[in-house]
Amino acid sequence: MRDTALIEIDRAPYDLVRSLRINVPSDQLLREFRDKNRTGLFPVSIRLLGLQTDDAEAV
């Protein structure tokens, strides 16, 4: 279910995703980069990290 949601967020226009103010814990997103089997989700993880403006770890 989580992967499906990430794929849909990746497909959505950036302005729409930004307006949703999605807040995902940075540590959860950063875990994606440690698993080579999840490279297909790297772009959406980067997108979501970029939207975590209140989190110094994400920046």
PDB file of N, CA and C in Angstrom:
ATOM      1  N   MET A   1       0.830  -1.179   0.000  1.00  0.00           N
ATOM      2  CA  MET A   1       0.000   0.000   0.000  1.00  0.00           C
ATOM      3  C   MET A   1       0.881   1.250   0.000  1.00  0.00           C
ATOM      4  N   ARG A   2       1.912   1.233   0.822  1.00  0.00           N
ATOM      5  CA  ARG A   2       2.807   2.394   0.910  1.00  0.00           C
ATOM      6  C   ARG A   2       3.479   2.662  -0.432  1.00  0.00           C
ATOM      7  N   ASP A   3       3.952   1.601  -1.075  1.00  0.00           N
ATOM      8  CA  ASP A   3       4.615   1.766  -2.366  1.00  0.00           C
ATOM      9  C   ASP A   3       3.660   2.335  -3.410  1.00  0.00           C
ATOM     10  N   THR A   4       2.425   1.882  -3.389  1.00  0.00           N
ATOM     11  CA  THR A   4       1.423   2.397  -4.330  1.00  0.00           C
ATOM     12  C   THR A   4       1.192   3.885  -4.094  1.00  0.00           C
ATOM     13  N   ALA A   5       1.117   4.281  -2.834  1.00  0.00           N
ATOM     14  CA  ALA A   5       0.931   5.699  -2.517  1.00  0.00           C
ATOM     15  C   ALA A   5       2.126   6.518  -2.996  1.00  0.00           C
ATOM     16  N   LEU A   6       3.340   5.995  -2.791  1.00  0.00           N
ATOM     17  CA  LEU A   6       4.532   6.714  -3.247  1.00  0.00           C
ATOM     18  C   LEU A   6       4.540   6.868  -4.763  1.00  0.00           C
ATOM     19  N   ILE A   7       4.136   5.839  -5.463  1.00  0.00           N
ATOM     20  CA  ILE A   7       4.081   5.904  -6.928  1.00  0.00           C
ATOM     21  C   ILE A   7       3.086   6.968  -7.367  1.00  0.00           C
ATOM     22  N   GLU A   8       1.935   7.036  -6.722  1.00  0.00           N
ATOM     23  CA  GLU A   8       0.925   8.043  -7.074  1.00  0.00           C
ATOM     24  C   GLU A   8       1.425   9.457  -6.768  1.00  0.00           C
ATOM     25  N   ILE A   9       2.119   9.618  -5.660  1.00  0.00           N
ATOM     26  CA  ILE A   9       2.689  10.929  -5.331  1.00  0.00           C
ATOM     27  C   ILE A   9       3.740  11.307  -6.367  1.00  0.00           C
ATOM     28  N   ASP A  10       4.510  10.333  -6.807  1.00  0.00           N
ATOM     29  CA  ASP A  10       5.536  10.587  -7.823  1.00  0.00           C
ATOM     30  C   ASP A  10       4.918  11.021  -9.145  1.00  0.00           C
ATOM     31  N   ARG A  11       3.777  10.471  -9.483  1.00  0.00           N
ATOM     32  CA  ARG A  11       3.102  10.788 -10.749  1.00  0.00           C
ATOM     33  C   ARG A  11       2.372  12.130 -10.726  1.00  0.00           C
ATOM     34  N   ALA A  12       2.015  12.574  -9.543  1.00  0.00           N
ATOM     35  CA  ALA A  12       1.230  13.812  -9.417  1.00  0.00           C
ATOM     36  C   ALA A  12       2.085  15.031  -9.748  1.00  0.00           C
ATOM     37  N   PRO A  13       1.458  16.070 -10.297  1.00  0.00           N
ATOM     38  CA  PRO A  13       2.193  17.311 -10.554  1.00  0.00           C
ATOM     39  C   PRO A  13       2.778  17.882  -9.260  1.00  0.00           C
ATOM     40  N   TYR A  14       3.973  18.421  -9.369  1.00  0.00           N
ATOM     41  CA  TYR A  14       4.688  18.933  -8.197  1.00  0.00           C
ATOM     42  C   TYR A  14       3.852  19.952  -7.430  1.00  0.00           C
ATOM     43  N   ASP A  15       3.211  20.877  -8.130  1.00  0.00           N
ATOM     44  CA  ASP A  15       2.420  21.904  -7.445  1.00  0.00           C
ATOM     45  C   ASP A  15       1.304  21.291  -6.607  1.00  0.00           C
ATOM     46  N   LEU A  16       0.703  20.227  -7.109  1.00  0.00           N
ATOM     47  CA  LEU A  16      -0.357  19.559  -6.348  1.00  0.00           C
ATOM     48  C   LEU A  16       0.217  18.907  -5.102  1.00  0.00           C
ATOM     49  N   VAL A  17       1.313  18.191  -5.239  1.00  0.00           N
ATOM     50  CA  VAL A  17       1.935  17.525  -4.091  1.00  0.00           C
ATOM     51  C   VAL A  17       2.354  18.559  -3.056  1.00  0.00           C
ATOM     52  N   ARG A  18       2.928  19.650  -3.519  1.00  0.00           N
ATOM     53  CA  ARG A  18       3.365  20.707  -2.601  1.00  0.00           C
ATOM     54  C   ARG A  18       2.190  21.309  -1.845  1.00  0.00           C
ATOM     55  N   SER A  19       1.065  21.460  -2.511  1.00  0.00           N
ATOM     56  CA  SER A  19      -0.099  22.067  -1.855  1.00  0.00           C
ATOM     57  C   SER A  19      -0.721  21.147  -0.809  1.00  0.00           C
ATOM     58  N   LEU A  20      -0.443  19.849  -0.889  1.00  0.00           N
ATOM     59  CA  LEU A  20      -0.996  18.903   0.077  1.00  0.00           C
ATOM     60  C   LEU A  20      -0.294  18.968   1.422  1.00  0.00           C
ATOM     61  N   ARG A  21       0.897  19.537   1.434  1.00  0.00           N
ATOM     62  CA  ARG A  21       1.690  19.662   2.672  1.00  0.00           C
ATOM     63  C   ARG A  21       1.871  18.304   3.363  1.00  0.00           C
ATOM     64  N   ILE A  22       2.314  17.342   2.577  1.00  0.00           N
ATOM     65  CA  ILE A  22       2.554  15.997   3.086  1.00  0.00           C
ATOM     66  C   ILE A  22       3.749  16.038   4.031  1.00  0.00           C
ATOM     67  N   ASN A  23       3.584  15.454   5.196  1.00  0.00           N
ATOM     68  CA  ASN A  23       4.661  15.419   6.177  1.00  0.00           C
ATOM     69  C   ASN A  23       5.024  13.965   6.454  1.00  0.00           C
ATOM     70  N   VAL A  24       6.197  13.573   6.020  1.00  0.00           N
ATOM     71  CA  VAL A  24       6.691  12.217   6.222  1.00  0.00           C
ATOM     72  C   VAL A  24       7.970  12.328   7.042  1.00  0.00           C
ATOM     73  N   PRO A  25       8.122  11.511   8.082  1.00  0.00           N
ATOM     74  CA  PRO A  25       9.360  11.567   8.863  1.00  0.00           C
ATOM     75  C   PRO A  25      10.586  11.356   7.969  1.00  0.00           C
ATOM     76  N   SER A  26      11.561  12.220   8.091  1.00  0.00           N
ATOM     77  CA  SER A  26      12.759  12.160   7.246  1.00  0.00           C
ATOM     78  C   SER A  26      13.493  10.840   7.373  1.00  0.00           C
ATOM     79  N   ASP A  27      13.546  10.296   8.588  1.00  0.00           N
ATOM     80  CA  ASP A  27      14.256   9.023   8.757  1.00  0.00           C
ATOM     81  C   ASP A  27      13.601   7.912   7.948  1.00  0.00           C
ATOM     82  N   GLN A  28      12.296   7.963   7.816  1.00  0.00           N
ATOM     83  CA  GLN A  28      11.586   6.978   7.005  1.00  0.00           C
ATOM     84  C   GLN A  28      11.953   7.134   5.523  1.00  0.00           C
ATOM     85  N   LEU A  29      12.037   8.355   5.060  1.00  0.00           N
ATOM     86  CA  LEU A  29      12.413   8.600   3.665  1.00  0.00           C
ATOM     87  C   LEU A  29      13.872   8.255   3.414  1.00  0.00           C
ATOM     88  N   LEU A  30      14.737   8.586   4.352  1.00  0.00           N
ATOM     89  CA  LEU A  30      16.161   8.315   4.185  1.00  0.00           C
ATOM     90  C   LEU A  30      16.462   6.810   4.153  1.00  0.00           C
ATOM     91  N   ARG A  31      15.618   6.020   4.808  1.00  0.00           N
ATOM     92  CA  ARG A  31      15.784   4.562   4.763  1.00  0.00           C
ATOM     93  C   ARG A  31      15.669   4.021   3.344  1.00  0.00           C
ATOM     94  N   GLU A  32      14.882   4.687   2.514  1.00  0.00           N
ATOM     95  CA  GLU A  32      14.711   4.246   1.126  1.00  0.00           C
ATOM     96  C   GLU A  32      16.055   4.192   0.401  1.00  0.00           C
ATOM     97  N   PHE A  33      16.948   5.109   0.720  1.00  0.00           N
ATOM     98  CA  PHE A  33      18.236   5.196   0.022  1.00  0.00           C
ATOM     99  C   PHE A  33      19.216   4.105   0.444  1.00  0.00           C
ATOM    100  N   ARG A  34      18.930   3.430   1.523  1.00  0.00           N
ATOM    101  CA  ARG A  34      19.814   2.359   1.995  1.00  0.00           C
ATOM    102  C   ARG A  34      19.480   1.002   1.379  1.00  0.00           C
ATOM    103  N   ASP A  35      18.373   0.925   0.672  1.00  0.00           N
ATOM    104  CA  ASP A  35      17.933  -0.343   0.095  1.00  0.00           C
ATOM    105  C   ASP A  35      18.011  -0.277  -1.425  1.00  0.00           C
ATOM    106  N   LYS A  36      18.976  -0.976  -1.996  1.00  0.00           N
ATOM    107  CA  LYS A  36      19.174  -0.918  -3.448  1.00  0.00           C
ATOM    108  C   LYS A  36      17.982  -1.494  -4.214  1.00  0.00           C
ATOM    109  N   ASN A  37      17.134  -2.253  -3.555  1.00  0.00           N
ATOM    110  CA  ASN A  37      15.948  -2.798  -4.210  1.00  0.00           C
ATOM    111  C   ASN A  37      14.838  -1.765  -4.353  1.00  0.00           C
ATOM    112  N   ARG A  38      15.048  -0.595  -3.767  1.00  0.00           N
ATOM    113  CA  ARG A  38      14.012   0.448  -3.820  1.00  0.00           C
ATOM    114  C   ARG A  38      14.462   1.660  -4.632  1.00  0.00           C
ATOM    115  N   THR A  39      15.424   1.459  -5.515  1.00  0.00           N
ATOM    116  CA  THR A  39      15.936   2.584  -6.311  1.00  0.00           C
ATOM    117  C   THR A  39      14.843   3.248  -7.142  1.00  0.00           C
ATOM    118  N   GLY A  40      13.833   2.510  -7.500  1.00  0.00           N
ATOM    119  CA  GLY A  40      12.730   3.092  -8.265  1.00  0.00           C
ATOM    120  C   GLY A  40      11.948   4.130  -7.489  1.00  0.00           C
ATOM    121  N   LEU A  41      12.095   4.099  -6.186  1.00  0.00           N
ATOM    122  CA  LEU A  41      11.381   5.071  -5.344  1.00  0.00           C
ATOM    123  C   LEU A  41      12.256   6.241  -4.914  1.00  0.00           C
ATOM    124  N   PHE A  42      13.511   6.245  -5.337  1.00  0.00           N
ATOM    125  CA  PHE A  42      14.407   7.349  -4.987  1.00  0.00           C
ATOM    126  C   PHE A  42      13.853   8.708  -5.418  1.00  0.00           C
ATOM    127  N   PRO A  43      13.361   8.844  -6.667  1.00  0.00           N
ATOM    128  CA  PRO A  43      12.879  10.172  -7.078  1.00  0.00           C
ATOM    129  C   PRO A  43      11.757  10.716  -6.197  1.00  0.00           C
ATOM    130  N   VAL A  44      10.797   9.887  -5.830  1.00  0.00           N
ATOM    131  CA  VAL A  44       9.709  10.381  -4.989  1.00  0.00           C
ATOM    132  C   VAL A  44      10.200  10.646  -3.569  1.00  0.00           C
ATOM    133  N   SER A  45      11.158   9.866  -3.104  1.00  0.00           N
ATOM    134  CA  SER A  45      11.726  10.128  -1.780  1.00  0.00           C
ATOM    135  C   SER A  45      12.449  11.471  -1.762  1.00  0.00           C
ATOM    136  N   ILE A  46      13.154  11.774  -2.831  1.00  0.00           N
ATOM    137  CA  ILE A  46      13.831  13.073  -2.944  1.00  0.00           C
ATOM    138  C   ILE A  46      12.804  14.195  -2.981  1.00  0.00           C
ATOM    139  N   ARG A  47      11.749  13.982  -3.760  1.00  0.00           N
ATOM    140  CA  ARG A  47      10.685  14.990  -3.846  1.00  0.00           C
ATOM    141  C   ARG A  47      10.101  15.263  -2.472  1.00  0.00           C
ATOM    142  N   LEU A  48       9.778  14.215  -1.741  1.00  0.00           N
ATOM    143  CA  LEU A  48       9.183  14.389  -0.421  1.00  0.00           C
ATOM    144  C   LEU A  48      10.163  14.988   0.575  1.00  0.00           C
ATOM    145  N   LEU A  49      11.431  14.614   0.497  1.00  0.00           N
ATOM    146  CA  LEU A  49      12.435  15.228   1.372  1.00  0.00           C
ATOM    147  C   LEU A  49      12.511  16.726   1.125  1.00  0.00           C
ATOM    148  N   GLY A  50      12.434  17.112  -0.127  1.00  0.00           N
ATOM    149  CA  GLY A  50      12.482  18.529  -0.475  1.00  0.00           C
ATOM    150  C   GLY A  50      11.322  19.325   0.079  1.00  0.00           C
ATOM    151  N   LEU A  51      10.236  18.657   0.354  1.00  0.00           N
ATOM    152  CA  LEU A  51       9.050  19.329   0.892  1.00  0.00           C
ATOM    153  C   LEU A  51       9.050  19.408   2.419  1.00  0.00           C
ATOM    154  N   GLN A  52       9.991  18.749   3.063  1.00  0.00           N
ATOM    155  CA  GLN A  52      10.073  18.742   4.528  1.00  0.00           C
ATOM    156  C   GLN A  52      10.869  19.955   5.007  1.00  0.00           C
ATOM    157  N   THR A  53      10.349  21.133   4.780  1.00  0.00           N
ATOM    158  CA  THR A  53      11.099  22.368   5.060  1.00  0.00           C
ATOM    159  C   THR A  53      11.297  22.630   6.558  1.00  0.00           C
ATOM    160  N   ASP A  54      10.511  21.998   7.395  1.00  0.00           N
ATOM    161  CA  ASP A  54      10.628  22.213   8.842  1.00  0.00           C
ATOM    162  C   ASP A  54      11.586  21.222   9.495  1.00  0.00           C
ATOM    163  N   ASP A  55      12.238  20.384   8.693  1.00  0.00           N
ATOM    164  CA  ASP A  55      13.081  19.331   9.237  1.00  0.00           C
ATOM    165  C   ASP A  55      14.529  19.542   8.772  1.00  0.00           C
ATOM    166  N   ALA A  56      15.404  19.869   9.704  1.00  0.00           N
ATOM    167  CA  ALA A  56      16.802  20.145   9.379  1.00  0.00           C
ATOM    168  C   ALA A  56      17.482  18.917   8.778  1.00  0.00           C
ATOM    169  N   GLU A  57      17.119  17.726   9.223  1.00  0.00           N
ATOM    170  CA  GLU A  57      17.714  16.501   8.680  1.00  0.00           C
ATOM    171  C   GLU A  57      17.366  16.328   7.200  1.00  0.00           C
ATOM    172  N   ALA A  58      16.161  16.673   6.826  1.00  0.00           N
ATOM    173  CA  ALA A  58      15.747  16.573   5.424  1.00  0.00           C
ATOM    174  C   ALA A  58      16.494  17.569   4.552  1.00  0.00           C
ATOM    175  N   VAL A  59      16.673  18.772   5.086  1.00  0.00           N
ATOM    176  CA  VAL A  59      17.374  19.812   4.317  1.00  0.00           C
ATOM    177  C   VAL A  59      18.805  19.383   4.100  1.00  0.00           C
TER     178      VAL A  59
END
